[in-house]
Amino acid sequence: MPNNVRLDNAAFDGMATEMALRQLGGADIKKMVGQQYQIDFPLKDGYKLRYVYTINTNNALFLQRLLPYPMRPEKFATQKELIKYIKDDVLQFTNAQNSKNFSLFVDTLNKMHELAFRAEDTFLNFNVDAAKVKNVFDTLSGLLSGMENTRSEAEKIEVSKE
């Protein structure tokens, strides 16, 4: 992955951003509706990173990863920040694929995302008993606590982002 990708902090320049993303390994860049773009980065074993970024009328940039699992949208003030974020994300995923647990990691995060959608659908569309809501809350609190324990017991991975 080239370290010499450069963008200034001037107003958004779609061509410069597209060129920089291609230099990072972006294989498929599509302009969608208005100022919305989709970009894919192929990974090994058939996985890929897919992002959608949008430029609003104030030239603010919003990025969301869709694959291999969705992430919450992030906001960036400059195209330079957007490119750096994607570059770092691609490096982390490229490194993570070296783990024997990568498939399980991706499947786990997709299940968590599915849970969020199902919870929203259930709580918005059904009159759920308070005791059941409390049970779900307690279960999720236990999972969060377990994740903190897992994190504190795991070895930190250092990925060079230079």
N, C-alpha and C. Protein backbone atom coordinates (compact mmCIF):
# COMPACT_ATOMS: atom_id res chain seq x y z
N MET A 1 0.85 -1.17 0.00
CA MET A 1 0.00 0.00 0.00
C MET A 1 0.89 1.24 0.00
N PRO A 2 0.75 2.13 -0.94
CA PRO A 2 1.64 3.28 -1.04
C PRO A 2 1.49 4.22 0.15
N ASN A 3 2.62 4.76 0.59
CA ASN A 3 2.61 5.74 1.67
C ASN A 3 2.61 7.16 1.15
N ASN A 4 2.67 7.32 -0.15
CA ASN A 4 2.83 8.65 -0.72
C ASN A 4 1.52 9.25 -1.24
N VAL A 5 0.38 8.71 -0.78
CA VAL A 5 -0.90 9.27 -1.20
C VAL A 5 -1.04 10.63 -0.53
N ARG A 6 -1.24 11.67 -1.34
CA ARG A 6 -1.30 13.02 -0.80
C ARG A 6 -2.54 13.73 -1.29
N LEU A 7 -3.18 14.40 -0.36
CA LEU A 7 -4.32 15.25 -0.68
C LEU A 7 -4.22 16.49 0.18
N ASP A 8 -4.56 17.61 -0.38
CA ASP A 8 -4.56 18.83 0.43
C ASP A 8 -5.90 18.97 1.12
N ASN A 9 -6.05 20.00 1.92
CA ASN A 9 -7.28 20.23 2.67
C ASN A 9 -8.24 21.15 1.95
N ALA A 10 -8.06 21.32 0.66
CA ALA A 10 -8.94 22.20 -0.12
C ALA A 10 -10.30 21.55 -0.26
N ALA A 11 -11.19 22.23 -0.95
CA ALA A 11 -12.54 21.70 -1.18
C ALA A 11 -12.44 20.32 -1.83
N PHE A 12 -13.47 19.54 -1.67
CA PHE A 12 -13.49 18.18 -2.17
C PHE A 12 -13.19 18.12 -3.66
N ASP A 13 -12.30 17.24 -4.03
CA ASP A 13 -11.94 17.00 -5.42
C ASP A 13 -12.15 15.52 -5.67
N GLY A 14 -13.26 15.18 -6.31
CA GLY A 14 -13.61 13.78 -6.54
C GLY A 14 -12.57 13.02 -7.31
N MET A 15 -11.97 13.62 -8.31
CA MET A 15 -10.95 12.93 -9.11
C MET A 15 -9.72 12.61 -8.28
N ALA A 16 -9.28 13.56 -7.46
CA ALA A 16 -8.10 13.33 -6.62
C ALA A 16 -8.39 12.24 -5.59
N THR A 17 -9.58 12.25 -5.02
CA THR A 17 -9.94 11.24 -4.04
C THR A 17 -10.01 9.87 -4.70
N GLU A 18 -10.63 9.80 -5.87
CA GLU A 18 -10.72 8.52 -6.58
C GLU A 18 -9.33 7.99 -6.90
N MET A 19 -8.43 8.85 -7.36
CA MET A 19 -7.07 8.42 -7.67
C MET A 19 -6.37 7.90 -6.42
N ALA A 20 -6.51 8.62 -5.30
CA ALA A 20 -5.87 8.19 -4.06
C ALA A 20 -6.43 6.85 -3.59
N LEU A 21 -7.74 6.65 -3.71
CA LEU A 21 -8.35 5.39 -3.30
C LEU A 21 -7.89 4.24 -4.19
N ARG A 22 -7.72 4.51 -5.46
CA ARG A 22 -7.19 3.47 -6.37
C ARG A 22 -5.75 3.12 -5.99
N GLN A 23 -4.95 4.12 -5.61
CA GLN A 23 -3.57 3.86 -5.19
C GLN A 23 -3.53 3.00 -3.93
N LEU A 24 -4.57 3.10 -3.10
CA LEU A 24 -4.64 2.28 -1.89
C LEU A 24 -5.11 0.86 -2.17
N GLY A 25 -5.54 0.59 -3.39
CA GLY A 25 -5.99 -0.75 -3.75
C GLY A 25 -7.47 -0.83 -4.05
N GLY A 26 -8.15 0.29 -4.08
CA GLY A 26 -9.58 0.29 -4.41
C GLY A 26 -9.78 -0.24 -5.82
N ALA A 27 -10.56 -1.31 -5.95
CA ALA A 27 -10.69 -1.97 -7.23
C ALA A 27 -11.91 -1.52 -8.01
N ASP A 28 -12.93 -1.11 -7.32
CA ASP A 28 -14.18 -0.79 -8.00
C ASP A 28 -14.77 0.45 -7.34
N ILE A 29 -14.75 1.56 -8.04
CA ILE A 29 -15.30 2.81 -7.52
C ILE A 29 -16.46 3.21 -8.40
N LYS A 30 -17.62 3.38 -7.77
CA LYS A 30 -18.83 3.72 -8.53
C LYS A 30 -19.43 4.99 -7.97
N LYS A 31 -19.76 5.92 -8.86
CA LYS A 31 -20.53 7.09 -8.44
C LYS A 31 -21.98 6.67 -8.43
N MET A 32 -22.63 6.91 -7.32
CA MET A 32 -24.02 6.52 -7.19
C MET A 32 -24.88 7.77 -7.36
N VAL A 33 -25.86 7.96 -6.56
CA VAL A 33 -26.76 9.11 -6.65
C VAL A 33 -26.06 10.36 -6.13
N GLY A 34 -26.20 11.49 -6.84
CA GLY A 34 -25.65 12.76 -6.38
C GLY A 34 -24.17 12.67 -6.12
N GLN A 35 -23.78 13.04 -4.91
CA GLN A 35 -22.37 13.01 -4.51
C GLN A 35 -22.11 11.83 -3.57
N GLN A 36 -22.54 10.65 -3.99
CA GLN A 36 -22.33 9.44 -3.20
C GLN A 36 -21.53 8.45 -4.03
N TYR A 37 -20.52 7.84 -3.38
CA TYR A 37 -19.61 6.94 -4.07
C TYR A 37 -19.51 5.64 -3.29
N GLN A 38 -19.36 4.55 -4.03
CA GLN A 38 -19.12 3.24 -3.42
C GLN A 38 -17.76 2.76 -3.89
N ILE A 39 -16.98 2.21 -2.95
CA ILE A 39 -15.67 1.70 -3.31
C ILE A 39 -15.44 0.36 -2.65
N ASP A 40 -14.89 -0.59 -3.41
CA ASP A 40 -14.56 -1.92 -2.91
C ASP A 40 -13.06 -2.10 -2.87
N PHE A 41 -12.59 -2.74 -1.82
CA PHE A 41 -11.20 -3.15 -1.69
C PHE A 41 -11.19 -4.66 -1.54
N PRO A 42 -10.65 -5.40 -2.50
CA PRO A 42 -10.63 -6.86 -2.37
C PRO A 42 -9.66 -7.30 -1.28
N LEU A 43 -10.08 -8.28 -0.52
CA LEU A 43 -9.24 -8.94 0.46
C LEU A 43 -9.09 -10.39 0.03
N LYS A 44 -8.29 -11.16 0.72
CA LYS A 44 -8.12 -12.56 0.32
C LYS A 44 -9.32 -13.40 0.77
N ASP A 45 -9.39 -14.59 0.23
CA ASP A 45 -10.43 -15.57 0.55
C ASP A 45 -11.84 -15.08 0.22
N GLY A 46 -11.97 -14.22 -0.78
CA GLY A 46 -13.27 -13.77 -1.23
C GLY A 46 -13.89 -12.65 -0.41
N TYR A 47 -13.22 -12.20 0.62
CA TYR A 47 -13.74 -11.08 1.41
C TYR A 47 -13.43 -9.78 0.68
N LYS A 48 -14.20 -8.76 1.02
CA LYS A 48 -13.88 -7.42 0.51
C LYS A 48 -14.36 -6.39 1.52
N LEU A 49 -13.72 -5.25 1.46
CA LEU A 49 -14.17 -4.09 2.20
C LEU A 49 -14.98 -3.25 1.23
N ARG A 50 -16.14 -2.84 1.65
CA ARG A 50 -16.97 -1.96 0.83
C ARG A 50 -17.34 -0.75 1.67
N TYR A 51 -17.10 0.41 1.10
CA TYR A 51 -17.43 1.68 1.75
C TYR A 51 -18.38 2.47 0.86
N VAL A 52 -19.19 3.28 1.49
CA VAL A 52 -19.97 4.29 0.79
C VAL A 52 -19.61 5.61 1.44
N TYR A 53 -19.23 6.59 0.63
CA TYR A 53 -19.01 7.92 1.18
C TYR A 53 -19.84 8.93 0.43
N THR A 54 -20.27 9.94 1.18
CA THR A 54 -21.17 10.96 0.66
C THR A 54 -20.58 12.32 0.96
N ILE A 55 -20.71 13.24 0.02
CA ILE A 55 -20.29 14.62 0.21
C ILE A 55 -21.55 15.46 0.25
N ASN A 56 -21.76 16.19 1.36
CA ASN A 56 -22.97 17.02 1.42
C ASN A 56 -22.70 18.40 0.83
N THR A 57 -23.69 19.26 0.87
CA THR A 57 -23.57 20.58 0.24
C THR A 57 -22.53 21.47 0.92
N ASN A 58 -22.15 21.15 2.14
CA ASN A 58 -21.11 21.91 2.85
C ASN A 58 -19.73 21.28 2.69
N ASN A 59 -19.61 20.32 1.77
CA ASN A 59 -18.37 19.58 1.53
C ASN A 59 -17.94 18.74 2.73
N ALA A 60 -18.86 18.42 3.65
CA ALA A 60 -18.56 17.47 4.72
C ALA A 60 -18.65 16.07 4.13
N LEU A 61 -17.76 15.21 4.57
CA LEU A 61 -17.68 13.84 4.06
C LEU A 61 -18.19 12.87 5.11
N PHE A 62 -19.05 11.96 4.70
CA PHE A 62 -19.57 10.92 5.58
C PHE A 62 -19.20 9.57 4.99
N LEU A 63 -18.65 8.70 5.81
CA LEU A 63 -18.19 7.39 5.36
C LEU A 63 -18.86 6.31 6.19
N GLN A 64 -19.30 5.26 5.50
CA GLN A 64 -19.83 4.09 6.18
C GLN A 64 -19.26 2.84 5.52
N ARG A 65 -18.76 1.92 6.35
CA ARG A 65 -18.31 0.64 5.82
C ARG A 65 -19.54 -0.27 5.78
N LEU A 66 -19.71 -0.97 4.67
CA LEU A 66 -20.84 -1.91 4.51
C LEU A 66 -20.40 -3.37 4.61
N LEU A 67 -19.21 -3.67 4.11
CA LEU A 67 -18.69 -5.04 4.14
C LEU A 67 -17.27 -5.04 4.69
N PRO A 68 -16.86 -6.09 5.38
CA PRO A 68 -17.54 -7.36 5.56
C PRO A 68 -18.65 -7.32 6.62
N TYR A 69 -18.74 -6.23 7.35
CA TYR A 69 -19.87 -5.99 8.26
C TYR A 69 -20.03 -4.49 8.36
N PRO A 70 -21.25 -4.03 8.63
CA PRO A 70 -21.48 -2.57 8.67
C PRO A 70 -20.86 -1.91 9.89
N MET A 71 -20.50 -0.66 9.73
CA MET A 71 -20.04 0.17 10.85
C MET A 71 -20.88 1.44 10.86
N ARG A 72 -20.85 2.11 11.99
CA ARG A 72 -21.61 3.38 12.08
C ARG A 72 -20.93 4.41 11.18
N PRO A 73 -21.71 5.34 10.66
CA PRO A 73 -21.12 6.38 9.79
C PRO A 73 -20.15 7.27 10.56
N GLU A 74 -19.10 7.69 9.90
CA GLU A 74 -18.11 8.61 10.45
C GLU A 74 -18.14 9.88 9.61
N LYS A 75 -17.86 11.01 10.24
CA LYS A 75 -17.84 12.29 9.54
C LYS A 75 -16.40 12.79 9.48
N PHE A 76 -16.03 13.35 8.33
CA PHE A 76 -14.68 13.87 8.11
C PHE A 76 -14.78 15.27 7.54
N ALA A 77 -13.86 16.12 7.97
CA ALA A 77 -13.85 17.51 7.49
C ALA A 77 -13.13 17.63 6.16
N THR A 78 -12.17 16.74 5.91
CA THR A 78 -11.37 16.85 4.68
C THR A 78 -11.24 15.49 4.00
N GLN A 79 -10.94 15.55 2.73
CA GLN A 79 -10.70 14.31 1.99
C GLN A 79 -9.44 13.62 2.49
N LYS A 80 -8.48 14.38 2.97
CA LYS A 80 -7.25 13.79 3.52
C LYS A 80 -7.58 12.90 4.72
N GLU A 81 -8.47 13.37 5.61
CA GLU A 81 -8.88 12.57 6.76
C GLU A 81 -9.61 11.30 6.31
N LEU A 82 -10.47 11.44 5.32
CA LEU A 82 -11.22 10.29 4.80
C LEU A 82 -10.27 9.24 4.25
N ILE A 83 -9.32 9.65 3.43
CA ILE A 83 -8.36 8.72 2.83
C ILE A 83 -7.52 8.04 3.91
N LYS A 84 -7.07 8.80 4.90
CA LYS A 84 -6.27 8.21 5.98
C LYS A 84 -7.07 7.16 6.74
N TYR A 85 -8.33 7.46 7.02
CA TYR A 85 -9.17 6.51 7.75
C TYR A 85 -9.31 5.21 6.94
N ILE A 86 -9.60 5.33 5.65
CA ILE A 86 -9.75 4.14 4.81
C ILE A 86 -8.43 3.38 4.74
N LYS A 87 -7.33 4.09 4.55
CA LYS A 87 -6.02 3.44 4.47
C LYS A 87 -5.75 2.63 5.73
N ASP A 88 -5.98 3.24 6.90
CA ASP A 88 -5.74 2.55 8.17
C ASP A 88 -6.67 1.34 8.33
N ASP A 89 -7.92 1.49 7.92
CA ASP A 89 -8.89 0.41 8.01
C ASP A 89 -8.47 -0.76 7.12
N VAL A 90 -8.05 -0.47 5.90
CA VAL A 90 -7.60 -1.52 4.99
C VAL A 90 -6.40 -2.25 5.58
N LEU A 91 -5.45 -1.50 6.14
CA LEU A 91 -4.27 -2.13 6.77
C LEU A 91 -4.69 -3.04 7.93
N GLN A 92 -5.61 -2.58 8.76
CA GLN A 92 -6.04 -3.40 9.89
C GLN A 92 -6.74 -4.67 9.43
N PHE A 93 -7.59 -4.57 8.42
CA PHE A 93 -8.27 -5.77 7.92
C PHE A 93 -7.31 -6.71 7.23
N THR A 94 -6.36 -6.17 6.48
CA THR A 94 -5.36 -7.00 5.82
C THR A 94 -4.58 -7.79 6.88
N ASN A 95 -4.23 -7.13 7.96
CA ASN A 95 -3.54 -7.81 9.06
C ASN A 95 -4.46 -8.81 9.76
N ALA A 96 -5.69 -8.42 10.01
CA ALA A 96 -6.63 -9.30 10.73
C ALA A 96 -6.88 -10.60 9.97
N GLN A 97 -6.77 -10.56 8.66
CA GLN A 97 -6.99 -11.78 7.88
C GLN A 97 -5.92 -12.83 8.12
N ASN A 98 -4.83 -12.45 8.76
CA ASN A 98 -3.80 -13.43 9.11
C ASN A 98 -4.22 -14.29 10.29
N SER A 99 -5.26 -13.90 10.99
CA SER A 99 -5.74 -14.65 12.14
C SER A 99 -6.57 -15.85 11.69
N LYS A 100 -6.43 -16.95 12.41
CA LYS A 100 -7.26 -18.12 12.15
C LYS A 100 -8.71 -17.85 12.52
N ASN A 101 -8.95 -16.80 13.30
CA ASN A 101 -10.29 -16.48 13.79
C ASN A 101 -11.01 -15.44 12.93
N PHE A 102 -10.46 -15.07 11.79
CA PHE A 102 -11.03 -13.97 11.02
C PHE A 102 -12.48 -14.23 10.62
N SER A 103 -12.77 -15.40 10.07
CA SER A 103 -14.15 -15.71 9.65
C SER A 103 -15.11 -15.64 10.82
N LEU A 104 -14.71 -16.19 11.96
CA LEU A 104 -15.56 -16.16 13.15
C LEU A 104 -15.75 -14.73 13.64
N PHE A 105 -14.69 -13.92 13.56
CA PHE A 105 -14.76 -12.50 13.93
C PHE A 105 -15.79 -11.78 13.07
N VAL A 106 -15.73 -11.98 11.77
CA VAL A 106 -16.67 -11.32 10.85
C VAL A 106 -18.09 -11.82 11.11
N ASP A 107 -18.25 -13.14 11.26
CA ASP A 107 -19.58 -13.69 11.53
C ASP A 107 -20.15 -13.16 12.85
N THR A 108 -19.31 -13.02 13.87
CA THR A 108 -19.76 -12.51 15.17
C THR A 108 -20.25 -11.07 15.04
N LEU A 109 -19.50 -10.23 14.34
CA LEU A 109 -19.91 -8.84 14.19
C LEU A 109 -21.16 -8.69 13.33
N ASN A 110 -21.32 -9.55 12.34
CA ASN A 110 -22.56 -9.53 11.57
C ASN A 110 -23.75 -9.95 12.43
N LYS A 111 -23.56 -10.93 13.33
CA LYS A 111 -24.63 -11.33 14.25
C LYS A 111 -25.00 -10.17 15.17
N MET A 112 -24.01 -9.43 15.64
CA MET A 112 -24.27 -8.29 16.52
C MET A 112 -25.09 -7.23 15.77
N HIS A 113 -24.76 -7.01 14.53
CA HIS A 113 -25.50 -6.03 13.73
C HIS A 113 -26.94 -6.51 13.50
N GLU A 114 -27.10 -7.80 13.23
CA GLU A 114 -28.43 -8.38 13.06
C GLU A 114 -29.24 -8.23 14.35
N LEU A 115 -28.59 -8.42 15.49
CA LEU A 115 -29.27 -8.27 16.78
C LEU A 115 -29.79 -6.84 16.94
N ALA A 116 -29.00 -5.85 16.57
CA ALA A 116 -29.44 -4.46 16.70
C ALA A 116 -30.69 -4.21 15.85
N PHE A 117 -30.70 -4.72 14.62
CA PHE A 117 -31.88 -4.55 13.77
C PHE A 117 -33.10 -5.25 14.34
N ARG A 118 -32.91 -6.47 14.82
CA ARG A 118 -34.04 -7.21 15.39
C ARG A 118 -34.57 -6.55 16.65
N ALA A 119 -33.67 -6.05 17.48
CA ALA A 119 -34.10 -5.37 18.71
C ALA A 119 -34.93 -4.15 18.36
N GLU A 120 -34.44 -3.35 17.42
CA GLU A 120 -35.19 -2.16 17.02
C GLU A 120 -36.56 -2.53 16.48
N ASP A 121 -36.60 -3.52 15.60
CA ASP A 121 -37.88 -3.96 15.04
C ASP A 121 -38.83 -4.43 16.14
N THR A 122 -38.32 -5.20 17.07
CA THR A 122 -39.15 -5.73 18.15
C THR A 122 -39.68 -4.62 19.04
N PHE A 123 -38.80 -3.73 19.47
CA PHE A 123 -39.21 -2.70 20.43
C PHE A 123 -40.05 -1.60 19.79
N LEU A 124 -39.92 -1.39 18.49
CA LEU A 124 -40.73 -0.38 17.82
C LEU A 124 -42.09 -0.91 17.37
N ASN A 125 -42.16 -2.21 17.14
CA ASN A 125 -43.37 -2.76 16.54
C ASN A 125 -44.18 -3.71 17.44
N PHE A 126 -43.68 -3.99 18.65
CA PHE A 126 -44.37 -4.89 19.56
C PHE A 126 -44.38 -4.29 20.96
N ASN A 127 -45.44 -4.57 21.69
CA ASN A 127 -45.54 -4.13 23.07
C ASN A 127 -44.87 -5.18 23.94
N VAL A 128 -43.59 -5.00 24.19
CA VAL A 128 -42.79 -5.99 24.91
C VAL A 128 -42.91 -5.75 26.41
N ASP A 129 -43.15 -6.83 27.13
CA ASP A 129 -43.27 -6.79 28.58
C ASP A 129 -41.98 -6.22 29.21
N ALA A 130 -42.12 -5.40 30.23
CA ALA A 130 -40.98 -4.75 30.88
C ALA A 130 -39.96 -5.77 31.41
N ALA A 131 -40.43 -6.88 31.93
CA ALA A 131 -39.52 -7.90 32.45
C ALA A 131 -38.65 -8.49 31.33
N LYS A 132 -39.25 -8.66 30.16
CA LYS A 132 -38.47 -9.18 29.02
C LYS A 132 -37.45 -8.14 28.53
N VAL A 133 -37.84 -6.87 28.51
CA VAL A 133 -36.89 -5.81 28.13
C VAL A 133 -35.74 -5.79 29.13
N LYS A 134 -36.04 -5.89 30.41
CA LYS A 134 -35.00 -5.90 31.45
C LYS A 134 -34.09 -7.11 31.27
N ASN A 135 -34.65 -8.25 30.91
CA ASN A 135 -33.85 -9.45 30.68
C ASN A 135 -32.88 -9.24 29.51
N VAL A 136 -33.37 -8.65 28.41
CA VAL A 136 -32.50 -8.36 27.27
C VAL A 136 -31.40 -7.39 27.68
N PHE A 137 -31.78 -6.35 28.41
CA PHE A 137 -30.80 -5.36 28.88
C PHE A 137 -29.72 -6.01 29.73
N ASP A 138 -30.12 -6.85 30.67
CA ASP A 138 -29.15 -7.51 31.55
C ASP A 138 -28.24 -8.45 30.77
N THR A 139 -28.82 -9.17 29.80
CA THR A 139 -28.02 -10.07 28.97
C THR A 139 -26.98 -9.28 28.17
N LEU A 140 -27.41 -8.18 27.56
CA LEU A 140 -26.47 -7.36 26.79
C LEU A 140 -25.41 -6.74 27.69
N SER A 141 -25.80 -6.31 28.89
CA SER A 141 -24.81 -5.76 29.84
C SER A 141 -23.77 -6.80 30.18
N GLY A 142 -24.20 -8.05 30.36
CA GLY A 142 -23.25 -9.14 30.62
C GLY A 142 -22.32 -9.38 29.45
N LEU A 143 -22.86 -9.30 28.22
CA LEU A 143 -22.02 -9.46 27.04
C LEU A 143 -20.98 -8.35 26.93
N LEU A 144 -21.40 -7.11 27.22
CA LEU A 144 -20.45 -5.99 27.18
C LEU A 144 -19.35 -6.16 28.23
N SER A 145 -19.73 -6.61 29.39
CA SER A 145 -18.75 -6.85 30.44
C SER A 145 -17.78 -7.97 30.01
N GLY A 146 -18.34 -9.01 29.42
CA GLY A 146 -17.50 -10.10 28.92
C GLY A 146 -16.55 -9.63 27.84
N MET A 147 -17.00 -8.71 26.99
CA MET A 147 -16.13 -8.18 25.94
C MET A 147 -14.99 -7.39 26.55
N GLU A 148 -15.29 -6.61 27.59
CA GLU A 148 -14.23 -5.85 28.27
C GLU A 148 -13.21 -6.79 28.90
N ASN A 149 -13.69 -7.89 29.50
CA ASN A 149 -12.77 -8.89 30.07
C ASN A 149 -11.91 -9.52 28.98
N THR A 150 -12.54 -9.86 27.86
CA THR A 150 -11.80 -10.45 26.74
C THR A 150 -10.73 -9.48 26.24
N ARG A 151 -11.11 -8.23 26.11
CA ARG A 151 -10.16 -7.21 25.64
C ARG A 151 -8.99 -7.05 26.60
N SER A 152 -9.28 -7.00 27.89
CA SER A 152 -8.22 -6.78 28.88
C SER A 152 -7.26 -7.97 28.97
N GLU A 153 -7.72 -9.15 28.59
CA GLU A 153 -6.88 -10.35 28.66
C GLU A 153 -6.15 -10.64 27.35
N ALA A 154 -6.50 -9.92 26.28
CA ALA A 154 -5.92 -10.19 24.96
C ALA A 154 -4.68 -9.33 24.73
N GLU A 155 -3.81 -9.83 23.88
CA GLU A 155 -2.61 -9.09 23.49
C GLU A 155 -2.97 -8.05 22.44
N LYS A 156 -2.53 -6.82 22.63
CA LYS A 156 -2.81 -5.71 21.69
C LYS A 156 -2.03 -5.96 20.39
N ILE A 157 -2.73 -5.75 19.28
CA ILE A 157 -2.11 -5.85 17.96
C ILE A 157 -1.67 -4.48 17.52
N GLU A 158 -0.43 -4.36 17.14
CA GLU A 158 0.11 -3.10 16.63
C GLU A 158 0.29 -3.22 15.13
N VAL A 159 -0.47 -2.45 14.39
CA VAL A 159 -0.36 -2.44 12.93
C VAL A 159 0.26 -1.10 12.54
N SER A 160 1.39 -1.18 11.83
CA SER A 160 2.05 0.05 11.38
C SER A 160 1.16 0.75 10.37
N LYS A 161 0.85 2.01 10.66
CA LYS A 161 -0.01 2.80 9.77
C LYS A 161 0.78 3.87 9.06
N GLU A 162 2.04 3.71 9.03
CA GLU A 162 2.93 4.69 8.36
C GLU A 162 3.03 4.39 6.90
